[in-house]
N, C-alpha and C. Protein backbone atom coordinates (compact mmCIF):
# COMPACT_ATOMS: atom_id res chain seq x y z
N MET A 1 23.46 8.01 7.10
CA MET A 1 23.97 7.25 5.20
C MET A 1 22.39 7.01 4.59
N ASP A 2 22.52 7.73 3.27
CA ASP A 2 21.73 7.48 2.65
C ASP A 2 21.48 6.68 1.09
N SER A 3 20.53 6.26 0.87
CA SER A 3 20.24 5.50 -0.20
C SER A 3 21.36 6.21 -1.76
N ASP A 4 21.57 7.11 -1.70
CA ASP A 4 22.30 7.98 -2.93
C ASP A 4 23.95 7.17 -2.24
N VAL A 5 24.37 7.26 -0.97
CA VAL A 5 25.70 7.27 -1.02
C VAL A 5 25.86 5.44 -0.84
N LEU A 6 24.85 4.79 -0.70
CA LEU A 6 25.11 3.57 -0.66
C LEU A 6 25.38 2.86 -1.92
N ASN A 7 24.25 3.58 -3.03
CA ASN A 7 24.31 2.61 -4.41
C ASN A 7 26.15 3.64 -5.06
N THR A 8 26.44 4.72 -4.41
CA THR A 8 27.95 4.89 -4.54
C THR A 8 28.91 3.76 -4.05
N PHE A 9 28.82 3.38 -3.03
CA PHE A 9 29.42 2.66 -2.52
C PHE A 9 29.54 0.72 -3.90
N LEU A 10 28.12 0.70 -4.10
CA LEU A 10 28.24 -0.60 -4.89
C LEU A 10 28.70 -0.08 -6.23
N VAL A 11 28.53 0.83 -6.90
CA VAL A 11 29.15 1.14 -7.72
C VAL A 11 30.44 1.14 -7.93
N VAL A 12 31.14 1.75 -6.72
CA VAL A 12 32.60 1.18 -7.05
C VAL A 12 33.40 -0.37 -6.72
N HIS A 13 32.39 -0.45 -5.98
CA HIS A 13 32.48 -2.43 -5.95
C HIS A 13 32.42 -2.39 -7.36
N ARG A 14 31.29 -2.37 -7.81
CA ARG A 14 30.88 -3.45 -9.08
C ARG A 14 32.01 -2.79 -10.37
N ARG A 15 32.44 -1.74 -10.06
CA ARG A 15 33.08 -1.55 -11.25
C ARG A 15 34.70 -1.40 -10.78
N GLY A 16 34.87 -2.03 -9.97
CA GLY A 16 36.35 -2.09 -9.43
C GLY A 16 37.03 -0.87 -9.10
N GLY A 17 36.15 0.35 -8.81
CA GLY A 17 37.26 1.46 -8.27
C GLY A 17 36.66 2.61 -8.48
N ILE A 18 36.96 3.52 -7.83
CA ILE A 18 36.56 4.98 -7.55
C ILE A 18 37.13 5.39 -8.99
N SER A 19 37.89 5.55 -9.98
CA SER A 19 37.66 5.94 -11.42
C SER A 19 36.62 5.55 -11.88
N HIS A 20 36.64 4.35 -12.47
CA HIS A 20 35.77 3.82 -13.00
C HIS A 20 34.06 3.87 -12.27
N ALA A 21 34.13 4.18 -10.79
CA ALA A 21 32.40 4.32 -10.76
C ALA A 21 32.25 5.87 -10.77
N ALA A 22 33.21 6.84 -10.47
CA ALA A 22 33.13 8.25 -11.53
C ALA A 22 32.77 8.36 -12.57
N LYS A 23 33.29 7.49 -13.30
CA LYS A 23 32.53 7.58 -15.00
C LYS A 23 31.07 7.07 -15.35
N ALA A 24 30.85 5.93 -14.27
CA ALA A 24 29.98 5.51 -14.22
C ALA A 24 28.83 6.62 -13.91
N LEU A 25 28.87 7.35 -13.11
CA LEU A 25 28.21 7.81 -12.04
C LEU A 25 28.26 9.48 -12.76
N HIS A 26 28.96 9.71 -13.76
CA HIS A 26 29.29 11.19 -14.17
C HIS A 26 29.74 12.17 -12.89
N ARG A 27 30.51 11.62 -12.05
CA ARG A 27 30.87 12.72 -10.91
C ARG A 27 32.57 13.09 -10.79
N SER A 28 33.16 13.41 -10.60
CA SER A 28 34.17 13.50 -10.35
C SER A 28 35.06 12.48 -9.11
N GLN A 29 35.66 11.89 -9.57
CA GLN A 29 37.21 11.45 -8.78
C GLN A 29 37.05 11.29 -7.80
N PRO A 30 37.16 12.97 -7.10
CA PRO A 30 37.26 13.72 -5.80
C PRO A 30 36.43 13.45 -5.41
N ALA A 31 35.19 13.59 -5.81
CA ALA A 31 33.89 13.62 -5.14
C ALA A 31 33.60 11.93 -4.85
N ILE A 32 34.04 10.81 -5.75
CA ILE A 32 33.21 9.99 -4.81
C ILE A 32 34.39 9.09 -4.16
N SER A 33 35.45 9.61 -4.24
CA SER A 33 36.20 9.19 -2.91
C SER A 33 35.87 9.99 -1.72
N ARG A 34 35.58 10.84 -1.82
CA ARG A 34 35.18 11.98 -0.71
C ARG A 34 34.08 11.30 -0.23
N ARG A 35 32.92 10.65 -0.56
CA ARG A 35 31.26 10.12 -0.17
C ARG A 35 31.99 8.65 0.54
N ILE A 36 32.86 8.17 -0.17
CA ILE A 36 33.54 6.92 0.12
C ILE A 36 33.58 6.73 1.81
N ALA A 37 35.18 8.08 2.00
CA ALA A 37 35.62 8.14 3.10
C ALA A 37 34.17 8.58 4.12
N LEU A 38 33.41 9.49 3.82
CA LEU A 38 32.38 10.01 4.28
C LEU A 38 31.78 8.41 4.80
N LEU A 39 31.32 7.55 4.28
CA LEU A 39 30.62 6.51 4.79
C LEU A 39 31.24 5.45 5.69
N GLU A 40 32.57 5.65 5.26
CA GLU A 40 33.69 4.97 6.11
C GLU A 40 33.66 5.09 7.48
N GLN A 41 33.83 6.41 7.52
CA GLN A 41 34.01 7.50 8.63
C GLN A 41 32.51 7.38 9.73
N GLU A 42 31.18 7.14 8.57
CA GLU A 42 30.37 6.85 9.50
C GLU A 42 30.11 5.86 10.31
N LEU A 43 30.39 4.55 9.51
CA LEU A 43 30.61 3.63 10.20
C LEU A 43 32.08 2.92 11.38
N GLY A 44 33.08 3.59 10.87
CA GLY A 44 34.11 3.53 11.55
C GLY A 44 34.92 2.10 11.14
N VAL A 45 34.72 1.81 10.17
CA VAL A 45 35.66 0.50 9.73
C VAL A 45 35.57 1.37 8.03
N PRO A 46 36.59 0.78 7.46
CA PRO A 46 37.12 0.93 5.72
C PRO A 46 36.56 -0.44 4.84
N LEU A 47 35.93 0.03 4.02
CA LEU A 47 34.89 -0.46 3.22
C LEU A 47 35.77 -1.49 1.82
N PHE A 48 36.33 -1.01 1.43
CA PHE A 48 37.46 -1.12 0.58
C PHE A 48 39.06 -1.29 1.43
N GLU A 49 39.52 -2.11 0.82
CA GLU A 49 41.28 -2.38 0.81
C GLU A 49 41.67 -2.09 -0.48
N ARG A 50 42.88 -0.82 -0.72
CA ARG A 50 43.67 -0.86 -1.97
C ARG A 50 44.81 -1.21 -2.08
N ILE A 51 44.89 -2.18 -2.79
CA ILE A 51 46.06 -2.81 -2.69
C ILE A 51 46.62 -2.89 -4.30
N ALA A 52 47.85 -2.95 -4.26
CA ALA A 52 48.74 -2.49 -5.78
C ALA A 52 47.81 -1.63 -7.16
N GLY A 53 46.96 -0.47 -6.82
CA GLY A 53 46.23 -0.37 -7.71
C GLY A 53 44.90 -0.37 -7.69
N LYS A 54 44.98 -1.64 -6.90
CA LYS A 54 43.31 -2.17 -6.87
C LYS A 54 42.53 -1.88 -5.57
N THR A 55 40.81 -1.88 -5.93
CA THR A 55 39.67 -1.65 -4.94
C THR A 55 39.28 -3.01 -4.69
N ARG A 56 39.69 -3.21 -3.67
CA ARG A 56 38.85 -4.67 -2.92
C ARG A 56 37.69 -4.94 -1.85
N LEU A 57 36.89 -5.22 -1.83
CA LEU A 57 36.06 -5.12 -0.70
C LEU A 57 37.33 -5.48 0.65
N SER A 58 37.29 -4.79 1.74
CA SER A 58 37.40 -5.04 3.08
C SER A 58 36.40 -6.27 3.40
N ASP A 59 36.37 -6.91 4.75
CA ASP A 59 35.38 -7.66 5.12
C ASP A 59 34.56 -6.81 5.64
N ALA A 60 34.50 -5.71 5.99
CA ALA A 60 33.30 -5.35 6.55
C ALA A 60 32.27 -4.95 5.03
N GLY A 61 33.53 -4.58 3.82
CA GLY A 61 32.73 -4.15 2.92
C GLY A 61 31.92 -5.75 2.41
N ARG A 62 32.38 -6.84 2.61
CA ARG A 62 31.45 -7.78 2.11
C ARG A 62 30.78 -7.97 2.70
N VAL A 63 30.52 -7.22 3.91
CA VAL A 63 29.45 -7.47 4.94
C VAL A 63 28.37 -6.57 4.33
N MET A 64 28.50 -5.70 3.75
CA MET A 64 27.67 -4.76 3.97
C MET A 64 26.89 -4.24 2.17
N VAL A 65 27.55 -4.97 1.17
CA VAL A 65 27.03 -5.13 -0.03
C VAL A 65 25.76 -5.67 0.41
N PRO A 66 25.59 -6.95 1.04
CA PRO A 66 23.49 -7.44 0.94
C PRO A 66 22.95 -6.31 1.03
N TYR A 67 23.03 -5.61 2.23
CA TYR A 67 22.11 -4.46 3.17
C TYR A 67 22.39 -3.21 2.05
N ALA A 68 23.08 -3.28 1.94
CA ALA A 68 23.18 -1.85 0.72
C ALA A 68 22.38 -2.27 -0.61
N GLU A 69 22.33 -3.71 -0.93
CA GLU A 69 21.40 -3.58 -1.99
C GLU A 69 19.98 -3.58 -1.77
N ARG A 70 19.96 -4.06 -0.90
CA ARG A 70 18.58 -3.92 0.05
C ARG A 70 17.64 -2.76 -0.08
N ALA A 71 19.10 -1.38 0.55
CA ALA A 71 18.33 -0.38 1.16
C ALA A 71 17.92 0.42 -0.66
N VAL A 72 18.99 -0.14 -1.43
CA VAL A 72 18.93 0.54 -2.42
C VAL A 72 17.63 0.46 -3.09
N ALA A 73 17.24 -1.02 -3.55
CA ALA A 73 16.26 -1.73 -4.37
C ALA A 73 14.78 -1.00 -3.01
N ALA A 74 14.96 -0.84 -1.87
CA ALA A 74 13.80 -0.47 -1.28
C ALA A 74 13.59 1.07 -1.41
N ALA A 75 14.69 1.98 -1.46
CA ALA A 75 14.45 3.16 -1.84
C ALA A 75 13.98 3.14 -3.38
N GLN A 76 14.26 2.56 -4.40
CA GLN A 76 14.09 2.87 -5.91
C GLN A 76 12.16 1.88 -5.67
N ASP A 77 11.98 1.14 -4.80
CA ASP A 77 10.82 0.47 -4.97
C ASP A 77 9.71 1.41 -4.51
N ALA A 78 10.26 2.49 -3.32
CA ALA A 78 9.27 3.46 -2.70
C ALA A 78 9.33 4.37 -3.64
N GLU A 79 10.32 5.40 -4.28
CA GLU A 79 10.45 6.30 -5.65
C GLU A 79 9.24 5.37 -6.45
N ASN A 80 9.42 4.42 -7.47
CA ASN A 80 8.01 4.03 -8.10
C ASN A 80 7.00 3.77 -7.46
N ALA A 81 6.47 3.26 -6.44
CA ALA A 81 5.45 3.06 -5.71
C ALA A 81 5.09 5.04 -5.72
N VAL A 82 5.63 6.14 -5.15
CA VAL A 82 5.20 7.00 -5.22
C VAL A 82 5.23 7.46 -6.32
N ARG A 83 6.09 7.69 -7.39
CA ARG A 83 5.39 7.91 -9.02
C ARG A 83 4.16 7.55 -9.39
N ALA A 84 4.00 6.02 -8.94
CA ALA A 84 2.93 5.56 -9.67
C ALA A 84 1.58 5.86 -8.87
N LEU A 85 1.89 6.80 -8.08
CA LEU A 85 -0.17 7.70 -7.90
C LEU A 85 0.25 8.77 -8.89
N LEU A 86 0.85 9.02 -9.65
CA LEU A 86 0.87 10.42 -10.27
C LEU A 86 0.23 10.19 -11.63
N ARG A 87 -0.32 8.61 -11.91
CA ARG A 87 -0.67 7.94 -12.76
C ARG A 87 -1.98 7.57 -13.08
N ASP A 88 -3.06 8.08 -13.79
CA ASP A 88 -4.32 7.72 -13.40
C ASP A 88 -4.78 6.79 -12.74
N ASN A 89 -6.03 6.51 -12.01
CA ASN A 89 -6.18 4.84 -11.72
C ASN A 89 -5.13 4.29 -11.30
N SER A 90 -4.33 5.06 -10.14
CA SER A 90 -3.27 3.81 -9.89
C SER A 90 -3.80 4.46 -7.96
N GLY A 91 -3.22 3.76 -7.14
CA GLY A 91 -2.65 4.07 -6.13
C GLY A 91 -3.52 2.69 -5.09
N PRO A 92 -3.20 3.24 -3.91
CA PRO A 92 -4.19 2.46 -3.00
C PRO A 92 -6.16 2.57 -2.31
N VAL A 93 -6.72 1.97 -2.62
CA VAL A 93 -8.23 2.34 -2.02
C VAL A 93 -8.63 1.18 -1.48
N ALA A 94 -8.67 1.92 -0.02
CA ALA A 94 -9.45 0.29 1.07
C ALA A 94 -11.00 0.68 1.14
N LEU A 95 -11.54 -0.15 0.99
CA LEU A 95 -13.22 -0.03 0.98
C LEU A 95 -13.22 -0.79 2.03
N ALA A 96 -14.71 -0.18 2.85
CA ALA A 96 -14.97 -0.90 4.28
C ALA A 96 -16.56 -1.11 3.87
N VAL A 97 -17.05 -2.33 3.95
CA VAL A 97 -18.58 -2.89 3.59
C VAL A 97 -18.82 -3.65 4.81
N THR A 98 -20.60 -3.64 4.94
CA THR A 98 -20.96 -4.10 5.93
C THR A 98 -21.07 -5.50 5.58
N GLY A 99 -20.54 -6.47 6.11
CA GLY A 99 -20.53 -7.90 6.06
C GLY A 99 -21.64 -8.37 5.36
N THR A 100 -22.61 -8.56 5.31
CA THR A 100 -23.77 -9.21 4.45
C THR A 100 -23.71 -8.42 3.08
N LEU A 101 -23.10 -7.22 3.12
CA LEU A 101 -23.04 -7.08 1.49
C LEU A 101 -21.95 -7.70 0.72
N ALA A 102 -21.10 -7.98 1.70
CA ALA A 102 -19.92 -8.60 1.29
C ALA A 102 -19.92 -9.80 0.19
N GLY A 103 -21.13 -9.89 -0.55
CA GLY A 103 -21.35 -11.49 -0.97
C GLY A 103 -21.04 -12.08 -2.82
N GLU A 104 -21.49 -12.38 -3.42
CA GLU A 104 -21.04 -12.49 -4.25
C GLU A 104 -21.24 -11.49 -5.78
N ARG A 105 -22.56 -10.85 -5.50
CA ARG A 105 -22.35 -9.34 -6.69
C ARG A 105 -21.67 -8.29 -6.18
N LEU A 106 -20.89 -7.93 -4.80
CA LEU A 106 -19.71 -7.35 -4.96
C LEU A 106 -18.67 -7.89 -5.20
N SER A 107 -18.40 -8.96 -5.00
CA SER A 107 -17.17 -9.63 -5.46
C SER A 107 -16.95 -9.92 -7.07
N ASN A 108 -18.06 -10.03 -7.62
CA ASN A 108 -18.10 -9.45 -9.17
C ASN A 108 -17.62 -8.41 -9.67
N VAL A 109 -18.32 -7.30 -9.20
CA VAL A 109 -17.88 -5.99 -9.40
C VAL A 109 -16.37 -6.03 -8.81
N LEU A 110 -15.92 -6.06 -8.21
CA LEU A 110 -14.06 -5.73 -7.47
C LEU A 110 -13.38 -7.01 -8.60
N LYS A 111 -13.81 -7.84 -8.80
CA LYS A 111 -12.63 -8.68 -9.82
C LYS A 111 -13.12 -7.66 -11.20
N ARG A 112 -14.30 -7.35 -11.48
CA ARG A 112 -14.03 -6.56 -12.99
C ARG A 112 -13.16 -5.34 -12.64
N PHE A 113 -13.42 -4.41 -11.62
CA PHE A 113 -12.47 -3.50 -11.44
C PHE A 113 -11.21 -3.58 -11.38
N ALA A 114 -10.40 -4.55 -10.45
CA ALA A 114 -9.08 -5.32 -10.22
C ALA A 114 -8.73 -5.65 -11.68
N ARG A 115 -9.52 -6.16 -12.71
CA ARG A 115 -9.16 -6.03 -14.24
C ARG A 115 -9.07 -4.86 -14.83
N ARG A 116 -10.15 -4.11 -14.67
CA ARG A 116 -9.88 -2.82 -15.41
C ARG A 116 -8.79 -2.20 -14.91
N HIS A 117 -8.61 -2.11 -13.40
CA HIS A 117 -7.46 -1.20 -12.98
C HIS A 117 -6.31 -2.08 -12.16
N PRO A 118 -5.33 -2.08 -12.78
CA PRO A 118 -4.57 -2.86 -12.59
C PRO A 118 -3.40 -2.45 -11.14
N ASP A 119 -3.29 -1.00 -11.59
CA ASP A 119 -2.56 -0.05 -10.94
C ASP A 119 -3.23 0.29 -9.69
N VAL A 120 -4.29 -0.05 -9.27
CA VAL A 120 -4.86 0.15 -7.96
C VAL A 120 -4.83 -0.82 -7.00
N ALA A 121 -4.22 -0.60 -5.69
CA ALA A 121 -4.01 -1.61 -4.84
C ALA A 121 -5.76 -1.71 -4.06
N LEU A 122 -6.21 -2.39 -4.37
CA LEU A 122 -7.63 -2.66 -3.29
C LEU A 122 -8.02 -3.40 -2.58
N THR A 123 -8.30 -3.27 -0.92
CA THR A 123 -7.95 -3.84 0.10
C THR A 123 -9.58 -3.85 0.37
N LEU A 124 -10.59 -4.38 1.00
CA LEU A 124 -11.49 -5.27 1.28
C LEU A 124 -11.40 -5.21 2.94
N ARG A 125 -12.45 -4.91 3.67
CA ARG A 125 -12.63 -4.46 5.21
C ARG A 125 -14.50 -4.59 5.29
N THR A 126 -14.41 -5.92 6.20
CA THR A 126 -15.68 -5.93 6.44
C THR A 126 -16.22 -5.33 8.01
N ALA A 127 -17.49 -4.78 8.28
CA ALA A 127 -17.65 -3.84 9.75
C ALA A 127 -19.48 -3.88 9.47
N THR A 128 -19.76 -3.25 10.70
CA THR A 128 -21.11 -2.87 11.03
C THR A 128 -21.34 -1.79 9.98
N SER A 129 -22.31 -1.36 9.91
CA SER A 129 -22.39 -0.10 9.26
C SER A 129 -21.54 1.06 10.40
N ALA A 130 -22.16 1.18 11.53
CA ALA A 130 -21.70 2.76 12.19
C ALA A 130 -20.32 2.33 11.75
N GLU A 131 -19.10 1.26 11.84
CA GLU A 131 -18.16 1.02 11.70
C GLU A 131 -18.08 1.17 10.59
N VAL A 132 -18.53 1.18 9.31
CA VAL A 132 -18.23 1.69 8.10
C VAL A 132 -18.01 3.38 8.07
N SER A 133 -18.80 3.84 8.78
CA SER A 133 -18.70 5.30 8.63
C SER A 133 -17.40 6.24 9.41
N ASP A 134 -17.49 5.71 10.34
CA ASP A 134 -16.10 5.39 11.66
C ASP A 134 -14.90 5.60 10.91
N LEU A 135 -14.67 4.61 10.32
CA LEU A 135 -13.38 4.30 9.43
C LEU A 135 -13.18 5.18 8.32
N ILE A 136 -14.19 6.01 7.62
CA ILE A 136 -14.11 6.45 6.74
C ILE A 136 -13.94 7.80 7.22
N ARG A 137 -14.42 8.53 8.27
CA ARG A 137 -14.02 9.67 9.22
C ARG A 137 -12.68 9.52 9.19
N ARG A 138 -12.09 8.24 10.10
CA ARG A 138 -10.95 8.18 10.71
C ARG A 138 -9.89 7.79 9.61
N GLY A 139 -10.51 7.95 8.15
CA GLY A 139 -9.27 7.69 7.13
C GLY A 139 -8.58 6.51 7.14
N GLU A 140 -9.36 5.75 7.51
CA GLU A 140 -9.15 3.82 7.21
C GLU A 140 -9.49 3.20 6.18
N ALA A 141 -10.49 4.13 5.88
CA ALA A 141 -10.91 3.28 4.73
C ALA A 141 -11.43 4.37 3.85
N THR A 142 -11.24 4.40 2.00
CA THR A 142 -11.62 5.13 1.07
C THR A 142 -13.30 5.01 0.77
N ILE A 143 -13.76 4.27 0.79
CA ILE A 143 -15.18 3.98 0.33
C ILE A 143 -15.46 3.00 1.20
N GLY A 144 -16.74 3.54 1.57
CA GLY A 144 -17.70 2.49 2.11
C GLY A 144 -18.89 2.45 1.82
N LEU A 145 -19.54 1.19 1.46
CA LEU A 145 -20.34 0.55 1.97
C LEU A 145 -21.52 0.26 2.71
N ARG A 146 -22.45 0.34 2.86
CA ARG A 146 -23.48 0.22 4.83
C ARG A 146 -24.74 0.43 3.98
N TYR A 147 -25.65 -0.16 5.26
CA TYR A 147 -26.84 -0.19 5.13
C TYR A 147 -27.76 1.42 5.53
N ASP A 148 -28.42 1.89 4.97
CA ASP A 148 -29.07 3.41 5.17
C ASP A 148 -28.37 4.19 5.18
N ARG A 149 -28.57 5.14 4.89
CA ARG A 149 -28.04 6.67 4.63
C ARG A 149 -27.14 7.00 6.30
N ASP A 150 -26.12 7.54 6.36
CA ASP A 150 -25.49 8.33 7.81
C ASP A 150 -26.28 9.49 7.37
N ARG A 151 -26.65 9.56 8.68
CA ARG A 151 -27.54 11.36 8.44
C ARG A 151 -26.28 12.11 8.89
N SER A 152 -25.26 11.83 9.64
CA SER A 152 -24.32 13.12 10.05
C SER A 152 -23.79 13.33 8.57
N ARG A 153 -23.60 15.20 8.91
CA ARG A 153 -23.24 15.81 7.69
C ARG A 153 -21.75 16.09 7.43
N ASP A 154 -21.33 15.50 8.18
CA ASP A 154 -20.06 15.01 7.36
C ASP A 154 -19.26 13.94 6.36
N LEU A 155 -20.06 13.01 6.53
CA LEU A 155 -19.79 12.65 5.33
C LEU A 155 -20.88 12.63 4.15
N ASP A 156 -20.63 11.99 2.62
CA ASP A 156 -20.91 12.53 1.91
C ASP A 156 -21.57 10.51 1.79
N CYS A 157 -22.98 10.84 1.29
CA CYS A 157 -23.53 9.36 0.86
C CYS A 157 -24.32 9.28 0.24
N GLU A 158 -24.80 8.38 -0.68
CA GLU A 158 -25.35 8.22 -1.47
C GLU A 158 -26.03 6.98 -2.13
N VAL A 159 -27.30 6.93 -2.09
CA VAL A 159 -28.14 5.53 -1.71
C VAL A 159 -27.59 4.47 -3.20
N LEU A 160 -26.85 3.24 -3.67
CA LEU A 160 -27.03 2.67 -4.79
C LEU A 160 -28.37 2.22 -4.89
N PHE A 161 -28.51 1.40 -4.23
CA PHE A 161 -29.55 0.41 -4.79
C PHE A 161 -30.80 -0.12 -3.54
N ALA A 162 -31.88 -0.09 -3.29
CA ALA A 162 -32.29 -0.93 -2.03
C ALA A 162 -32.68 -2.21 -2.60
N GLU A 163 -32.53 -2.69 -1.30
CA GLU A 163 -32.13 -3.87 -1.02
C GLU A 163 -33.57 -4.84 -0.70
N PRO A 164 -34.09 -5.93 -1.47
CA PRO A 164 -35.40 -6.45 -0.93
C PRO A 164 -34.98 -7.01 1.01
N LEU A 165 -36.13 -7.14 1.46
CA LEU A 165 -35.86 -8.05 2.43
C LEU A 165 -37.19 -8.52 2.95
N GLY A 166 -37.32 -9.60 3.29
CA GLY A 166 -38.40 -10.68 3.57
C GLY A 166 -39.08 -11.23 4.99
N VAL A 167 -39.88 -10.88 5.31
CA VAL A 167 -40.46 -11.41 6.64
C VAL A 167 -40.48 -12.82 6.73
N VAL A 168 -40.06 -13.61 7.66
CA VAL A 168 -40.56 -15.17 7.74
C VAL A 168 -40.47 -15.71 8.77
N CYS A 169 -41.50 -16.40 9.02
CA CYS A 169 -42.30 -17.20 10.39
C CYS A 169 -42.35 -18.40 10.17
N ALA A 170 -42.38 -19.27 11.07
CA ALA A 170 -43.45 -20.28 11.07
C ALA A 170 -44.31 -20.61 10.36
N PRO A 171 -45.00 -21.73 9.71
CA PRO A 171 -46.49 -21.42 9.08
C PRO A 171 -47.78 -21.81 10.14
N ASP A 172 -46.97 -22.32 11.23
CA ASP A 172 -48.36 -22.09 12.64
C ASP A 172 -48.38 -20.97 13.46
N HIS A 173 -47.44 -20.22 12.76
CA HIS A 173 -47.12 -18.91 13.88
C HIS A 173 -48.75 -17.92 13.40
N PRO A 174 -49.17 -16.97 14.56
CA PRO A 174 -50.72 -16.47 14.48
C PRO A 174 -50.22 -14.96 12.84
N LEU A 175 -49.16 -14.71 12.78
CA LEU A 175 -48.94 -14.07 11.31
C LEU A 175 -48.66 -14.58 9.87
N ALA A 176 -48.58 -15.96 10.21
CA ALA A 176 -48.24 -16.61 8.81
C ALA A 176 -49.36 -16.24 7.69
N GLY A 177 -48.56 -15.73 6.18
CA GLY A 177 -49.81 -15.72 5.55
C GLY A 177 -50.72 -14.11 5.16
N ARG A 178 -49.91 -13.59 6.40
CA ARG A 178 -50.33 -12.25 6.56
C ARG A 178 -48.96 -10.94 6.09
N ARG A 179 -49.64 -9.81 5.42
CA ARG A 179 -48.21 -9.04 4.99
C ARG A 179 -48.01 -7.90 5.62
N VAL A 180 -47.26 -7.85 5.70
CA VAL A 180 -46.42 -7.25 7.01
C VAL A 180 -46.59 -5.66 7.64
N GLY A 181 -47.73 -5.27 6.64
CA GLY A 181 -48.72 -4.55 7.01
C GLY A 181 -50.34 -4.56 7.61
N GLN A 182 -50.53 -5.54 7.44
CA GLN A 182 -51.50 -6.02 8.13
C GLN A 182 -50.80 -6.57 9.18
N ALA A 183 -50.26 -7.09 9.59
CA ALA A 183 -49.85 -7.24 11.19
C ALA A 183 -49.39 -6.52 11.73
N CYS A 184 -48.91 -5.44 11.65
CA CYS A 184 -48.60 -4.28 12.47
C CYS A 184 -49.83 -3.87 12.79
N ARG A 185 -51.06 -3.83 11.88
CA ARG A 185 -51.99 -2.71 12.21
C ARG A 185 -52.84 -3.66 13.29
N SER A 186 -52.51 -4.90 13.29
CA SER A 186 -53.41 -5.69 14.11
C SER A 186 -53.16 -5.80 15.00
N GLN A 187 -51.68 -5.63 15.82
CA GLN A 187 -51.39 -5.70 16.60
C GLN A 187 -51.28 -4.55 17.26
N GLY A 188 -51.37 -3.60 16.66
CA GLY A 188 -51.05 -1.90 17.33
C GLY A 188 -52.99 -1.72 18.19
């Protein structure tokens, strides 16, 4: 049972008969009759009752209508979603980010991106730096933001910016007030 035969069923129902459906679908009356007969044969029940020249839904036909409507709509939605990928700046983008990078700065960038590219379905996932690389390798993420460059040759990495780090300690610690380089030399 495909969406085209279900659509034919719905048009016969909505137009009130085979001949009206044939005109609406630009097909011959025998072709429409054959499609409905094959659907009824597949289901094992009549979907229409033909009484005094009128075509009406049987009990099975009435049960079938909402399911056929949903199936036809889902098929149309799927087709529209796939066709949307043909447009520039559209489709899914999965972003994997090291958790500590997913702060206000990134949020502002992503908000601007979403406003400029409303047809892009952006998803965000946080992970460790190693996990970000693995998500990219497995195809579960399109783009990743992580600390340091991944040295493996199977990924293309580019440094975006350096994040300043500060060393902190208690004021009464022996290394308090010293620069990191000085502290390392005096310890070695």
